[in-house]
């Protein structure tokens, strides 16, 4: 190793250490929002005592007077509405409902079987692109995707005579850098939609299109396909050739504890503990998976090829989905269908769009149960109930976090601070000339930077949505578009932050091939995905913006 290389590695390590040190100074999300709640209470009280008020432009409503938490009125409101603020947290009813069905589809083995089928049936040249698209869509399995997809990608790469480490790292990059998008609606869509809808209450009188779990669906489908192709290209043309040039072995090697430097062993041990805490912090994506040991994941011997009964189970589940589709279409196409709106259509609002949660629930539940019956993981309704119960347990950390998130959003709306920030922020943007798409790019860049320190998507969107959704609404942008732009920043930098708990997972997997690998090794190899993902995704946002394309059923870019 040359002196120059050592110096570069030293600079990189110091930078990573700085990011990790400052990131570790942030409190975990529950404490963070408790602090923000108290800060909001103090500021709102000071503004209320000063008689601050704000008028929302374009509305006939009078000035909104700021109300303080630490006043008689505020304390009475808070003590009277503690439970209502929690139960009324918008994402609860959608996220928990969808996760009951997704939990059944996951725990019967159906979702993992779909991934394995996608990998196993792909020709050799197409493997990187299949890994990219499947990995990007893997968010439907929540954090399980970080555990399932990378080792499977490594196995199928090796079986096809390609470099397994390229599949391993490429699968991780696809899951992490493309986490906020997918080819199908996920619980994350429901979570984001609930938060977006909740914060719009801070701007009374502004007419916006309601946001639901499919409000970004058209955008998400195109983004998932684009990012999957970009990811596949990077794996095929950049990552894998680099693995070959560096002479990285394609065979797993034994890892002895004594072979690893002491400071790295300490880092890994601490990381495993941090992974558990961070999984709890990622309330929107939490899954009860154990931190890996030093030599690899809990199970890295999964066969990418499906057995005959698993294949039969997938075919039966697809047949069940097709039958359900026929039933749904028949109900919708009836002239007097109760799912039509008063004009006889479905857009921009209708009972059909209000039934999206039910439809997602029905498809995942139906396919999961049918698959489980065929392969034997579901023998009775007791098994289904057990799987649903396990899915709720997996979300327990989210429920705890939702308690304080609900209080924060409710307080933000009740005090009027959200409206005050939005009005003054929009005026500041106009005064600076930073409006339109440049303002959107600035917002995406800010989210990308914050994503290095706040790994919980729900926490970061709660903070940013409270400010930017109303602010951008005042300069003419629909909440659904602001939410779509946030997805870029929420995911693109996910794979280069040491605070991502699944960095420990990928490091454990990588050390089966390279015992001396460290976090710097992982980040250095994954950073090649960040800029292409960011630029591709931001370009897509620009295309939607300038051509005023629909984001999803009934949701556009600009306010009418």
Protein backbone atom coordinates (compact mmCIF):
# COMPACT_ATOMS: atom_id res chain seq x y z
CA UNK A 1 0.00 0.00 0.00
CA UNK A 2 1.45 3.35 -1.02
CA UNK A 3 1.74 6.36 1.24
CA UNK A 4 -0.77 8.21 -0.93
CA UNK A 5 -3.30 5.41 -0.56
CA UNK A 6 -2.76 5.34 3.20
CA UNK A 7 -3.25 9.11 3.36
CA UNK A 8 -6.48 8.92 1.34
CA UNK A 9 -7.78 6.14 3.54
CA UNK A 10 -6.84 8.16 6.60
CA UNK A 11 -8.78 11.19 5.36
CA UNK A 12 -11.77 9.00 4.50
CA UNK A 13 -11.68 7.26 7.86
CA UNK A 14 -11.49 10.60 9.70
CA UNK A 15 -14.47 11.91 7.71
CA UNK A 16 -16.51 8.79 8.46
CA UNK A 17 -15.51 8.95 12.11
CA UNK A 18 -16.65 12.58 12.27
CA UNK A 19 -20.02 11.75 10.71
CA UNK A 20 -20.48 8.83 13.05
CA UNK A 21 -19.46 10.85 16.11
CA UNK A 22 -21.86 13.72 15.36
CA UNK A 23 -24.61 11.33 14.38
CA UNK A 24 -24.24 9.43 17.63
CA UNK A 25 -24.73 12.68 19.52
CA UNK A 26 -28.30 12.82 18.24
CA UNK A 27 -30.76 11.33 20.73
CA UNK A 28 -32.86 8.36 19.67
CA UNK A 29 -36.13 9.43 17.94
CA UNK A 30 -38.44 9.22 20.97
CA UNK A 31 -36.18 11.50 23.00
CA UNK A 32 -35.60 13.74 19.98
CA UNK A 33 -39.30 14.38 19.49
CA UNK A 34 -39.85 14.80 23.21
CA UNK A 35 -37.23 17.56 23.11
CA UNK A 36 -38.84 19.09 20.00
CA UNK A 37 -42.21 18.94 21.75
CA UNK A 38 -40.88 20.90 24.72
CA UNK A 39 -39.07 23.40 22.47
CA UNK A 40 -42.27 23.93 20.47
CA UNK A 41 -44.17 24.41 23.72
CA UNK A 42 -41.75 27.05 25.00
CA UNK A 43 -41.59 28.93 21.69
CA UNK A 44 -45.36 28.83 21.20
CA UNK A 45 -45.89 30.18 24.71
CA UNK A 46 -43.48 33.06 24.12
CA UNK A 47 -45.16 33.89 20.80
CA UNK A 48 -48.62 33.70 22.36
CA UNK A 49 -47.63 36.07 25.16
CA UNK A 50 -46.21 38.44 22.52
CA UNK A 51 -49.51 38.40 20.63
CA UNK A 52 -48.08 36.96 17.40
CA UNK A 53 -50.61 36.17 14.66
CA UNK A 54 -50.42 35.19 11.00
CA UNK A 55 -52.76 35.51 8.04
CA UNK A 56 -52.72 32.76 5.43
CA UNK A 57 -52.63 34.35 1.94
CA UNK A 58 -55.47 33.47 -0.40
CA UNK A 59 -57.97 32.66 2.35
CA UNK A 60 -60.87 34.59 3.75
CA UNK A 61 -60.15 33.45 7.28
CA UNK A 62 -58.94 36.02 9.75
CA UNK A 63 -55.51 36.03 11.37
CA UNK A 64 -54.45 32.87 13.17
CA UNK A 65 -53.32 33.73 16.69
CA UNK A 66 -50.46 31.65 18.04
CA UNK A 67 -51.50 29.64 21.08
CA UNK A 68 -49.02 28.58 23.75
CA UNK A 69 -48.69 25.16 25.32
CA UNK A 70 -47.59 26.48 28.72
CA UNK A 71 -50.66 28.61 29.23
CA UNK A 72 -53.88 27.68 30.96
CA UNK A 73 -55.58 27.01 27.65
CA UNK A 74 -52.63 25.02 26.33
CA UNK A 75 -52.20 22.81 29.38
CA UNK A 76 -55.94 22.08 29.46
CA UNK A 77 -55.84 21.17 25.75
CA UNK A 78 -52.84 18.89 26.20
CA UNK A 79 -54.14 16.98 29.22
CA UNK A 80 -57.56 16.57 27.62
CA UNK A 81 -56.25 15.31 24.29
CA UNK A 82 -53.24 13.13 25.16
CA UNK A 83 -54.98 9.91 24.11
CA UNK A 84 -56.77 11.50 21.15
CA UNK A 85 -53.47 12.89 19.83
CA UNK A 86 -51.98 9.40 19.92
CA UNK A 87 -54.93 7.48 18.48
CA UNK A 88 -55.50 10.26 15.96
CA UNK A 89 -51.94 10.06 14.60
CA UNK A 90 -52.87 9.76 10.89
CA UNK A 91 -50.60 6.86 9.84
CA UNK A 92 -51.80 4.47 12.56
CA UNK A 93 -55.00 3.30 10.90
CA UNK A 94 -53.38 2.74 7.52
CA UNK A 95 -49.96 1.40 8.50
CA UNK A 96 -51.19 -1.11 11.06
CA UNK A 97 -53.97 -2.37 8.79
CA UNK A 98 -51.67 -2.95 5.83
CA UNK A 99 -48.96 -4.50 7.98
CA UNK A 100 -51.36 -7.16 9.26
CA UNK A 101 -51.70 -8.44 5.69
CA UNK A 102 -48.07 -7.86 4.69
CA UNK A 103 -47.04 -9.76 7.82
CA UNK A 104 -49.04 -12.79 6.68
CA UNK A 105 -47.58 -12.58 3.16
CA UNK A 106 -44.07 -12.36 4.61
CA UNK A 107 -44.32 -14.98 7.33
CA UNK A 108 -45.92 -17.58 5.09
CA UNK A 109 -42.79 -17.27 2.93
CA UNK A 110 -44.59 -15.83 -0.10
CA UNK A 111 -42.62 -12.57 -0.38
CA UNK A 112 -39.26 -14.34 -0.04
CA UNK A 113 -40.40 -16.87 -2.63
CA UNK A 114 -41.21 -14.08 -5.08
CA UNK A 115 -37.69 -12.69 -4.61
CA UNK A 116 -36.07 -16.11 -5.05
CA UNK A 117 -38.16 -16.83 -8.14
CA UNK A 118 -37.16 -13.49 -9.67
CA UNK A 119 -33.47 -14.21 -9.10
CA UNK A 120 -33.51 -17.88 -10.06
CA UNK A 121 -35.27 -17.38 -13.41
CA UNK A 122 -33.06 -14.54 -14.66
CA UNK A 123 -30.41 -15.17 -17.35
CA UNK A 124 -26.79 -14.44 -16.48
CA UNK A 125 -26.55 -11.10 -18.31
CA UNK A 126 -29.76 -9.82 -16.75
CA UNK A 127 -28.91 -10.69 -13.15
CA UNK A 128 -27.60 -7.21 -12.15
CA UNK A 129 -30.77 -5.56 -13.43
CA UNK A 130 -33.03 -8.09 -11.73
CA UNK A 131 -31.13 -7.51 -8.47
CA UNK A 132 -31.62 -3.77 -8.96
CA UNK A 133 -35.37 -3.88 -9.61
CA UNK A 134 -36.12 -6.57 -7.00
CA UNK A 135 -33.94 -4.78 -4.45
CA UNK A 136 -35.61 -1.42 -5.01
CA UNK A 137 -39.03 -3.06 -4.67
CA UNK A 138 -37.85 -4.98 -1.62
CA UNK A 139 -39.16 -2.28 0.71
CA UNK A 140 -42.48 -4.14 0.59
CA UNK A 141 -40.79 -6.53 3.06
CA UNK A 142 -39.67 -3.61 5.26
CA UNK A 143 -36.24 -4.13 6.82
CA UNK A 144 -36.35 -7.86 6.05
CA UNK A 145 -35.18 -6.88 2.57
CA UNK A 146 -31.78 -5.93 4.01
CA UNK A 147 -31.45 -9.46 5.39
CA UNK A 148 -32.93 -11.48 2.51
CA UNK A 149 -31.94 -9.82 -0.76
CA UNK A 150 -28.13 -9.25 -0.49
CA UNK A 151 -27.16 -12.84 0.43
CA UNK A 152 -29.57 -14.26 -2.17
CA UNK A 153 -28.08 -11.95 -4.80
CA UNK A 154 -24.60 -13.17 -3.85
CA UNK A 155 -25.70 -16.80 -4.21
CA UNK A 156 -27.29 -16.40 -7.63
CA UNK A 157 -24.33 -14.35 -8.87
CA UNK A 158 -21.93 -17.10 -7.83
CA UNK A 159 -24.13 -19.83 -9.33
CA UNK A 160 -24.16 -17.92 -12.62
CA UNK A 161 -20.36 -17.57 -12.64
CA UNK A 162 -20.41 -13.90 -11.66
CA UNK A 163 -18.74 -12.25 -8.68
CA UNK A 164 -20.81 -12.89 -5.51
CA UNK A 165 -19.54 -9.73 -3.74
CA UNK A 166 -20.92 -7.61 -6.61
CA UNK A 167 -24.32 -9.23 -6.09
CA UNK A 168 -24.04 -8.81 -2.32
CA UNK A 169 -23.19 -5.11 -2.36
CA UNK A 170 -25.44 -4.38 -5.33
CA UNK A 171 -28.41 -5.95 -3.58
CA UNK A 172 -27.75 -3.89 -0.47
CA UNK A 173 -27.40 -0.71 -2.53
CA UNK A 174 -30.68 -1.36 -4.35
CA UNK A 175 -32.58 -1.95 -1.11
CA UNK A 176 -31.10 1.01 0.77
CA UNK A 177 -30.67 3.70 -1.88
CA UNK A 178 -34.08 2.96 -3.39
CA UNK A 179 -35.95 2.26 -0.18
CA UNK A 180 -38.71 4.86 -0.59
CA UNK A 181 -40.07 3.53 -3.87
CA UNK A 182 -41.45 0.22 -5.15
CA UNK A 183 -43.53 -1.33 -7.91
CA UNK A 184 -46.37 -2.02 -5.48
CA UNK A 185 -47.89 0.06 -2.67
CA UNK A 186 -46.21 -0.60 0.67
CA UNK A 187 -46.77 0.26 4.31
CA UNK A 188 -44.25 3.10 3.86
CA UNK A 189 -46.63 4.73 1.37
CA UNK A 190 -49.38 4.58 3.97
CA UNK A 191 -47.08 5.99 6.64
CA UNK A 192 -45.91 8.94 4.54
CA UNK A 193 -49.44 9.66 3.32
CA UNK A 194 -50.78 9.78 6.87
CA UNK A 195 -48.11 12.22 8.01
CA UNK A 196 -48.58 14.41 4.92
CA UNK A 197 -52.34 14.60 5.42
CA UNK A 198 -51.95 15.31 9.13
CA UNK A 199 -49.69 18.34 8.76
CA UNK A 200 -51.98 20.05 6.23
CA UNK A 201 -54.37 20.80 9.08
CA UNK A 202 -51.96 23.59 10.02
CA UNK A 203 -53.10 25.61 6.97
CA UNK A 204 -56.88 26.03 7.16
CA UNK A 205 -58.51 27.35 4.01
CA UNK A 206 -55.96 25.97 1.53
CA UNK A 207 -57.64 23.48 -0.80
CA UNK A 208 -55.35 20.53 -1.54
CA UNK A 209 -55.94 17.09 -3.00
CA UNK A 210 -56.13 14.39 -0.31
CA UNK A 211 -53.04 12.16 -0.07
CA UNK A 212 -53.49 8.39 0.19
CA UNK A 213 -51.17 5.35 -0.10
CA UNK A 214 -51.26 5.44 -3.93
CA UNK A 215 -50.90 9.20 -4.39
CA UNK A 216 -47.31 8.69 -5.63
CA UNK A 217 -47.95 5.36 -7.35
CA UNK A 218 -47.32 6.35 -11.00
CA UNK A 219 -44.17 8.18 -9.97
CA UNK A 220 -43.04 5.25 -7.82
CA UNK A 221 -43.44 2.67 -10.59
CA UNK A 222 -41.34 4.67 -13.04
CA UNK A 223 -38.78 5.50 -10.32
CA UNK A 224 -38.47 1.84 -9.28
CA UNK A 225 -37.86 0.71 -12.87
CA UNK A 226 -35.42 3.54 -13.57
CA UNK A 227 -33.44 3.06 -10.37
CA UNK A 228 -33.42 -0.70 -10.87
CA UNK A 229 -31.87 -0.28 -14.31
CA UNK A 230 -29.38 2.31 -13.03
CA UNK A 231 -28.43 0.00 -10.18
CA UNK A 232 -28.00 -2.93 -12.56
CA UNK A 233 -25.79 -0.86 -14.86
CA UNK A 234 -23.56 0.20 -11.96
CA UNK A 235 -23.26 -3.40 -10.72
CA UNK A 236 -22.50 -4.69 -14.20
CA UNK A 237 -20.14 -1.98 -15.48
CA UNK A 238 -18.55 -0.49 -12.37
CA UNK A 239 -18.86 -2.57 -9.20
CA UNK A 240 -18.22 -6.08 -10.55
CA UNK A 241 -15.23 -5.12 -12.76
CA UNK A 242 -13.74 -3.34 -9.76
CA UNK A 243 -14.10 -6.46 -7.63
CA UNK A 244 -12.22 -8.40 -10.31
CA UNK A 245 -9.47 -5.77 -10.64
CA UNK A 246 -8.99 -5.71 -6.85
CA UNK A 247 -8.68 -9.48 -6.79
CA UNK A 248 -11.52 -9.94 -4.29
CA UNK A 249 -12.03 -13.66 -3.81
CA UNK A 250 -15.22 -15.32 -4.97
CA UNK A 251 -14.98 -17.98 -2.27
CA UNK A 252 -16.02 -17.58 1.35
CA UNK A 253 -13.17 -17.77 3.82
CA UNK A 254 -13.12 -18.65 7.50
CA UNK A 255 -13.01 -15.65 9.82
CA UNK A 256 -11.09 -16.04 13.04
CA UNK A 257 -11.61 -13.51 15.80
CA UNK A 258 -7.86 -13.07 16.07
CA UNK A 259 -7.62 -12.10 12.39
CA UNK A 260 -9.56 -8.89 12.94
CA UNK A 261 -8.00 -5.78 14.49
CA UNK A 262 -9.18 -5.13 18.02
CA UNK A 263 -10.61 -1.69 17.23
CA UNK A 264 -12.71 -3.18 14.41
CA UNK A 265 -13.96 -5.99 16.65
CA UNK A 266 -15.05 -3.39 19.17
CA UNK A 267 -16.74 -1.37 16.46
CA UNK A 268 -18.61 -4.40 15.26
CA UNK A 269 -19.78 -5.35 18.71
CA UNK A 270 -20.95 -1.83 19.41
CA UNK A 271 -22.56 -1.73 15.98
CA UNK A 272 -24.57 -4.82 16.73
CA UNK A 273 -25.95 -3.16 19.82
CA UNK A 274 -26.59 0.01 17.88
CA UNK A 275 -28.37 -2.00 15.22
CA UNK A 276 -30.95 -3.14 17.73
CA UNK A 277 -31.49 0.41 18.95
CA UNK A 278 -31.60 1.75 15.43
CA UNK A 279 -34.13 -0.88 14.38
CA UNK A 280 -36.34 0.38 17.15
CA UNK A 281 -35.66 3.92 15.98
CA UNK A 282 -36.76 3.07 12.45
CA UNK A 283 -40.33 2.74 13.62
CA UNK A 284 -41.64 2.95 10.07
CA UNK A 285 -39.53 0.00 8.97
CA UNK A 286 -38.83 -2.01 12.12
CA UNK A 287 -38.55 -5.76 11.90
CA UNK A 288 -37.58 -8.09 14.71
CA UNK A 289 -34.36 -9.53 13.32
CA UNK A 290 -31.33 -10.36 15.36
CA UNK A 291 -28.05 -8.62 14.73
CA UNK A 292 -25.68 -10.86 12.81
CA UNK A 293 -22.65 -12.48 14.32
CA UNK A 294 -19.18 -11.72 13.08
CA UNK A 295 -19.19 -14.34 10.36
CA UNK A 296 -22.42 -13.65 8.52
CA UNK A 297 -26.19 -13.38 8.60
CA UNK A 298 -28.48 -15.63 10.59
CA UNK A 299 -28.97 -17.86 7.51
CA UNK A 300 -26.93 -17.49 4.34
CA UNK A 301 -27.63 -20.94 2.89
CA UNK A 302 -31.05 -20.19 1.40
CA UNK A 303 -31.45 -21.87 -1.98
CA UNK A 304 -32.41 -19.34 -4.69
CA UNK A 305 -34.22 -22.13 -6.55
CA UNK A 306 -37.79 -22.80 -5.46
CA UNK A 307 -38.97 -26.29 -4.63
CA UNK A 308 -41.88 -27.80 -6.54
CA UNK A 309 -44.33 -27.05 -3.74
CA UNK A 310 -43.13 -23.44 -3.44
CA UNK A 311 -43.53 -22.93 -7.17
CA UNK A 312 -47.01 -24.41 -6.99
CA UNK A 313 -47.79 -22.11 -4.06
CA UNK A 314 -46.76 -19.04 -6.07
CA UNK A 315 -48.91 -20.07 -9.04
CA UNK A 316 -51.93 -20.61 -6.81
CA UNK A 317 -51.38 -17.25 -5.08
CA UNK A 318 -51.18 -15.51 -8.47
CA UNK A 319 -54.38 -17.26 -9.55
CA UNK A 320 -56.06 -16.06 -6.35
CA UNK A 321 -54.89 -12.49 -7.06
CA UNK A 322 -56.27 -12.72 -10.60
CA UNK A 323 -59.62 -13.95 -9.29
CA UNK A 324 -59.72 -11.13 -6.76
CA UNK A 325 -58.96 -8.66 -9.56
CA UNK A 326 -61.94 -9.96 -11.57
CA UNK A 327 -64.21 -9.51 -8.55
CA UNK A 328 -62.93 -5.96 -7.90
CA UNK A 329 -63.25 -4.90 -11.54
CA UNK A 330 -66.76 -6.32 -11.75
CA UNK A 331 -67.78 -4.32 -8.68
CA UNK A 332 -66.21 -1.13 -10.05
CA UNK A 333 -67.52 -1.35 -13.61
CA UNK A 334 -71.17 -1.67 -12.63
CA UNK A 335 -72.96 1.54 -13.71
CA UNK A 336 -74.37 2.03 -10.22
CA UNK A 337 -71.19 0.99 -8.42
CA UNK A 338 -71.13 2.43 -4.89
CA UNK A 339 -67.38 3.03 -5.31
CA UNK A 340 -67.95 5.80 -7.88
CA UNK A 341 -68.20 9.47 -6.95
CA UNK A 342 -71.30 11.63 -7.49
CA UNK A 343 -70.28 12.33 -11.08
CA UNK A 344 -70.02 8.61 -11.81
CA UNK A 345 -66.21 8.58 -11.97
CA UNK A 346 -63.32 7.73 -9.71
CA UNK A 347 -61.14 10.87 -9.82
CA UNK A 348 -60.09 13.08 -8.12
CA UNK A 349 -61.91 11.60 -5.12
CA UNK A 350 -64.23 8.64 -4.73
CA UNK A 351 -65.02 5.77 -2.38
CA UNK A 352 -62.62 3.70 -4.50
CA UNK A 353 -59.65 5.89 -3.57
CA UNK A 354 -60.82 5.84 0.02
CA UNK A 355 -60.69 2.02 -0.20
CA UNK A 356 -57.01 1.75 -1.19
CA UNK A 357 -56.01 0.44 2.24
CA UNK A 358 -58.66 -2.28 1.95
CA UNK A 359 -57.47 -3.28 -1.54
CA UNK A 360 -53.82 -3.53 -0.51
CA UNK A 361 -54.88 -5.49 2.57
CA UNK A 362 -57.06 -7.84 0.51
CA UNK A 363 -54.37 -8.64 -2.07
CA UNK A 364 -51.56 -9.31 0.39
CA UNK A 365 -53.82 -11.30 2.72
CA UNK A 366 -55.37 -13.39 -0.05
CA UNK A 367 -52.06 -14.22 -1.74
CA UNK A 368 -50.34 -14.91 1.58
CA UNK A 369 -53.02 -17.27 2.88
CA UNK A 370 -53.32 -19.18 -0.42
CA UNK A 371 -49.54 -19.57 -0.65
CA UNK A 372 -49.37 -20.67 2.98
CA UNK A 373 -52.11 -23.28 2.50
CA UNK A 374 -50.29 -24.79 -0.48
CA UNK A 375 -46.82 -24.94 1.12
CA UNK A 376 -48.11 -25.88 4.56
CA UNK A 377 -47.22 -22.78 6.57
CA UNK A 378 -50.94 -22.07 7.07
CA UNK A 379 -52.95 -25.00 8.34
CA UNK A 380 -55.73 -23.13 10.10
CA UNK A 381 -56.93 -19.65 10.90
CA UNK A 382 -54.92 -19.93 14.11
CA UNK A 383 -51.74 -19.73 12.05
CA UNK A 384 -53.00 -16.60 10.29
CA UNK A 385 -53.83 -14.95 13.61
CA UNK A 386 -50.40 -15.90 14.95
CA UNK A 387 -48.70 -14.31 11.94
CA UNK A 388 -50.79 -11.15 12.28
CA UNK A 389 -49.90 -10.99 15.96
CA UNK A 390 -46.23 -11.36 15.12
CA UNK A 391 -46.52 -8.52 12.58
CA UNK A 392 -47.97 -6.26 15.28
CA UNK A 393 -45.14 -7.21 17.65
CA UNK A 394 -42.66 -6.27 14.94
CA UNK A 395 -44.26 -2.81 14.87
CA UNK A 396 -44.26 -2.29 18.63
CA UNK A 397 -41.36 0.16 18.47
CA UNK A 398 -43.29 2.18 15.88
CA UNK A 399 -46.34 2.31 18.15
CA UNK A 400 -44.21 3.70 20.97
CA UNK A 401 -42.64 6.26 18.65
CA UNK A 402 -46.08 7.11 17.23
CA UNK A 403 -47.18 8.22 20.70
CA UNK A 404 -44.75 11.13 20.78
CA UNK A 405 -45.02 11.79 17.02
CA UNK A 406 -48.77 12.18 17.41
CA UNK A 407 -48.32 14.66 20.26
CA UNK A 408 -45.78 16.66 18.26
CA UNK A 409 -47.92 16.96 15.10
CA UNK A 410 -51.05 17.77 17.10
CA UNK A 411 -49.22 20.47 19.07
CA UNK A 412 -47.65 21.90 15.92
CA UNK A 413 -51.08 22.24 14.34
CA UNK A 414 -52.93 23.47 17.45
CA UNK A 415 -50.46 26.22 18.33
CA UNK A 416 -50.48 27.70 14.81
CA UNK A 417 -46.67 27.63 14.60
CA UNK A 418 -46.88 25.48 11.47
CA UNK A 419 -48.91 28.13 9.68
CA UNK A 420 -46.59 30.90 10.88
CA UNK A 421 -43.46 29.07 9.64
CA UNK A 422 -45.11 28.19 6.33
CA UNK A 423 -46.29 31.72 5.58
CA UNK A 424 -43.02 33.38 6.53
CA UNK A 425 -40.95 30.65 4.89
CA UNK A 426 -42.86 30.98 1.63
CA UNK A 427 -42.43 34.76 1.76
CA UNK A 428 -38.72 34.29 2.37
CA UNK A 429 -38.41 31.96 -0.63
CA UNK A 430 -40.17 34.48 -2.86
CA UNK A 431 -38.03 37.34 -1.58
CA UNK A 432 -34.84 35.38 -2.26
CA UNK A 433 -36.02 34.34 -5.69
CA UNK A 434 -35.58 30.65 -4.78
CA UNK A 435 -38.96 29.35 -5.87
CA UNK A 436 -40.19 26.76 -8.32
CA UNK A 437 -37.96 23.79 -9.10
CA UNK A 438 -34.73 25.23 -7.58
CA UNK A 439 -36.54 25.34 -4.24
CA UNK A 440 -37.55 21.70 -4.72
CA UNK A 441 -33.94 20.70 -5.44
CA UNK A 442 -32.81 22.57 -2.31
CA UNK A 443 -35.41 20.66 -0.31
CA UNK A 444 -34.20 17.31 -1.73
CA UNK A 445 -30.58 18.19 -0.96
CA UNK A 446 -31.47 19.11 2.62
CA UNK A 447 -33.29 15.80 3.08
CA UNK A 448 -30.26 13.93 1.68
CA UNK A 449 -27.97 15.58 4.22
CA UNK A 450 -30.35 14.99 7.14
CA UNK A 451 -30.66 11.35 6.07
CA UNK A 452 -27.01 10.86 7.03
CA UNK A 453 -27.93 11.56 10.66
CA UNK A 454 -31.62 10.62 11.03
CA UNK A 455 -32.09 7.04 9.83
CA UNK A 456 -35.80 6.85 10.64
CA UNK A 457 -37.81 7.88 7.59
CA UNK A 458 -40.96 8.56 9.61
CA UNK A 459 -39.08 10.78 12.05
CA UNK A 460 -37.41 12.81 9.33
CA UNK A 461 -40.60 13.19 7.29
CA UNK A 462 -42.54 14.27 10.38
CA UNK A 463 -40.03 17.07 10.96
CA UNK A 464 -39.72 18.14 7.33
CA UNK A 465 -43.40 17.71 6.41
CA UNK A 466 -44.52 19.97 9.26
CA UNK A 467 -42.55 22.81 7.65
CA UNK A 468 -42.26 22.12 3.93
CA UNK A 469 -45.66 20.66 3.02
CA UNK A 470 -47.55 23.84 4.08
CA UNK A 471 -44.72 26.08 2.82
CA UNK A 472 -44.71 24.53 -0.65
CA UNK A 473 -48.51 24.55 -0.70
CA UNK A 474 -48.35 28.33 -0.34
CA UNK A 475 -46.16 28.56 -3.45
CA UNK A 476 -48.55 26.34 -5.37
CA UNK A 477 -47.29 22.75 -4.94
CA UNK A 478 -49.51 19.84 -3.99
CA UNK A 479 -48.59 17.97 -0.77
CA UNK A 480 -48.31 14.72 -2.77
CA UNK A 481 -45.54 16.27 -4.89
CA UNK A 482 -43.60 17.47 -1.84
CA UNK A 483 -43.87 13.94 -0.46
CA UNK A 484 -42.58 12.48 -3.76
CA UNK A 485 -39.59 14.83 -3.72
CA UNK A 486 -38.79 13.85 -0.13
CA UNK A 487 -38.43 10.21 -1.17
CA UNK A 488 -35.23 11.07 -3.07
CA UNK A 489 -33.46 12.54 -0.07
CA UNK A 490 -34.82 9.89 2.28
CA UNK A 491 -33.18 7.02 0.39
CA UNK A 492 -30.31 8.06 -1.88
CA UNK A 493 -27.77 8.52 0.93
CA UNK A 494 -29.04 5.60 3.00
CA UNK A 495 -26.16 3.32 2.02
CA UNK A 496 -23.27 5.60 3.01
CA UNK A 497 -24.23 6.62 6.52
CA UNK A 498 -22.53 4.67 9.33
CA UNK A 499 -25.73 5.18 11.33
CA UNK A 500 -27.65 2.77 9.10
CA UNK A 501 -27.96 -0.27 11.41
CA UNK A 502 -27.81 -2.67 8.48
CA UNK A 503 -24.29 -1.54 7.68
CA UNK A 504 -23.37 -4.12 10.32
CA UNK A 505 -25.33 -6.77 8.41
CA UNK A 506 -23.59 -6.10 5.11
CA UNK A 507 -20.21 -5.85 6.83
CA UNK A 508 -20.70 -9.28 8.41
CA UNK A 509 -21.62 -10.71 5.02
CA UNK A 510 -18.70 -9.04 3.27
CA UNK A 511 -16.21 -10.36 5.83
CA UNK A 512 -17.02 -13.88 4.73
CA UNK A 513 -15.11 -13.00 1.58
CA UNK A 514 -12.80 -10.27 2.93
CA UNK A 515 -12.02 -10.78 6.64
CA UNK A 516 -10.16 -7.44 6.81
CA UNK A 517 -13.04 -5.37 5.41
CA UNK A 518 -14.35 -2.50 7.53
CA UNK A 519 -17.12 0.08 7.33
CA UNK A 520 -14.86 2.24 5.20
CA UNK A 521 -14.62 -0.61 2.69
CA UNK A 522 -18.40 -0.92 2.50
CA UNK A 523 -19.03 2.81 2.15
CA UNK A 524 -16.26 3.30 -0.42
CA UNK A 525 -17.81 0.63 -2.63
CA UNK A 526 -21.41 1.76 -2.17
CA UNK A 527 -20.80 5.47 -2.70
CA UNK A 528 -20.74 4.88 -6.48
CA UNK A 529 -24.51 4.28 -6.27
CA UNK A 530 -25.40 7.49 -4.43
CA UNK A 531 -24.83 10.20 -7.03
CA UNK A 532 -26.35 8.25 -9.97
CA UNK A 533 -29.39 7.39 -7.86
CA UNK A 534 -29.76 10.97 -6.65
CA UNK A 535 -29.35 12.51 -10.11
CA UNK A 536 -31.64 9.97 -11.80
CA UNK A 537 -34.34 10.35 -9.17
CA UNK A 538 -34.09 14.16 -9.05
CA UNK A 539 -34.25 14.26 -12.86
CA UNK A 540 -37.43 12.21 -12.68
CA UNK A 541 -38.86 14.70 -10.19
CA UNK A 542 -37.98 17.47 -12.66
CA UNK A 543 -39.71 15.68 -15.54
CA UNK A 544 -42.86 15.29 -13.46
CA UNK A 545 -42.65 18.94 -12.41
CA UNK A 546 -42.08 20.53 -15.83
CA UNK A 547 -44.52 18.30 -17.71
CA UNK A 548 -47.12 18.44 -14.91
CA UNK A 549 -47.61 14.67 -14.95
CA UNK A 550 -49.99 12.88 -12.57
CA UNK A 551 -48.19 11.41 -9.54
CA UNK A 552 -50.94 8.91 -8.81
CA UNK A 553 -54.70 8.53 -9.19
CA UNK A 554 -56.13 12.03 -8.78
CA UNK A 555 -52.88 13.64 -7.59
CA UNK A 556 -51.00 16.23 -9.62
CA UNK A 557 -48.10 18.64 -9.15
CA UNK A 558 -49.66 22.08 -8.80
CA UNK A 559 -52.57 23.36 -6.77
CA UNK A 560 -55.58 24.39 -8.88
